[in-house]
Amino acid sequence: MKKHYAFLIMALVATLTACGNDPQNLVDLNGDEASIINGSKVTVRENDGAKGVVLFLPVNGLGMATGICTATLLSDHSVLTAAHCYDKKNNKTLAGFKIIFANSKGIATRDSLKREGTHVVPHEGFRKSRVGLLNDLAIAFFEGGIPDGFEPVEIERDQTVNYQNRFLNIYGYGKKNDSREIFALGHGSAGQLYKANIKLNGGYGLMQDRYALISNGNHQFVCSGDSGSGQFLTINGKPRLIGVTSSVTGKKDFFGHVSCTEGRSTAMKVAYYAKWIDEVHSGAR
């Protein structure tokens, strides 16, 4: 678990370069602030992307979780998530990861719902910059197949389509309140899957590699624990993955807490990275 002392000193990630926001006013989505805010608890996996959503748990050498992220099934042995969820350069304690097929982390001790990770392939261009995270995607491979009730999700490949003003289904395993906690103990309520329906209102066509969701006009929001979460549209009756949650930029209070309800979140645009996704899978065969 990442400590808030570090968060108060220096935030990790940013948002759209074109927006020109202060890179310090952002939230680490793999931390302990909040999650899908005002979302609905997932009890049944619907065919709207939910069947492809899993919990991604990076672990240390003792097998203990060092954070919480969300991921989307690409195949029966791989998921797509955010690269900063498994960043060994900045988290020396990382030793592996687990994929959990459950709505709640609390029941993830059942062997039938767990899969051991084998390796992670981050995008070769992933890095932190003064303006935020670049190429924040990673493909994680696991063994053991997928249980009944889950299935891989089709990815968007068309870079010319503009989904501005469409409503996205987004899932995340973090906290459900923008609580402004300063000294969080553990992950609290993190680990329960929630769903949000959020308007894509930040300019989908402005940049090739990413887009933003603006809090103004929405009443549901992504935040901590939602790193790597899939952002889905239903197209021709099937869910399609169009984005992967990366970071949040927002208003920072006196204590250094960044509000996820007063800013914007950034997602990596899947269509832009479709060729890279295919190449990684081809090389893994």
Foldseek 3Di string as FASTA:
>chain_A
DDFLVVLLVAAAFAADPVVPDQGRQWHAQQDAQAFWAPFAFDDAQDQAQSLFKWKKFFAFPVRHGPTTEMWGDAAQWKTKFFQVNPDCVVPVRTDFIKIFQDQFPVPRVPPLGIWGWDDKAQDPPFDADSRGTDSGMMMTTTDDTHDPSHGGAAADADQPDDQAFAKWKWKFQAHHDSPPDSGDDDRVRGGGITIDTATQHFGRPPDRWKGKGFLVPDDIFGGHRHGGIFIWDQDPNGIYTFWGWHIWGADADPSGRRGRNGGMTMTTGRNSCVVVVVVVVVVVD
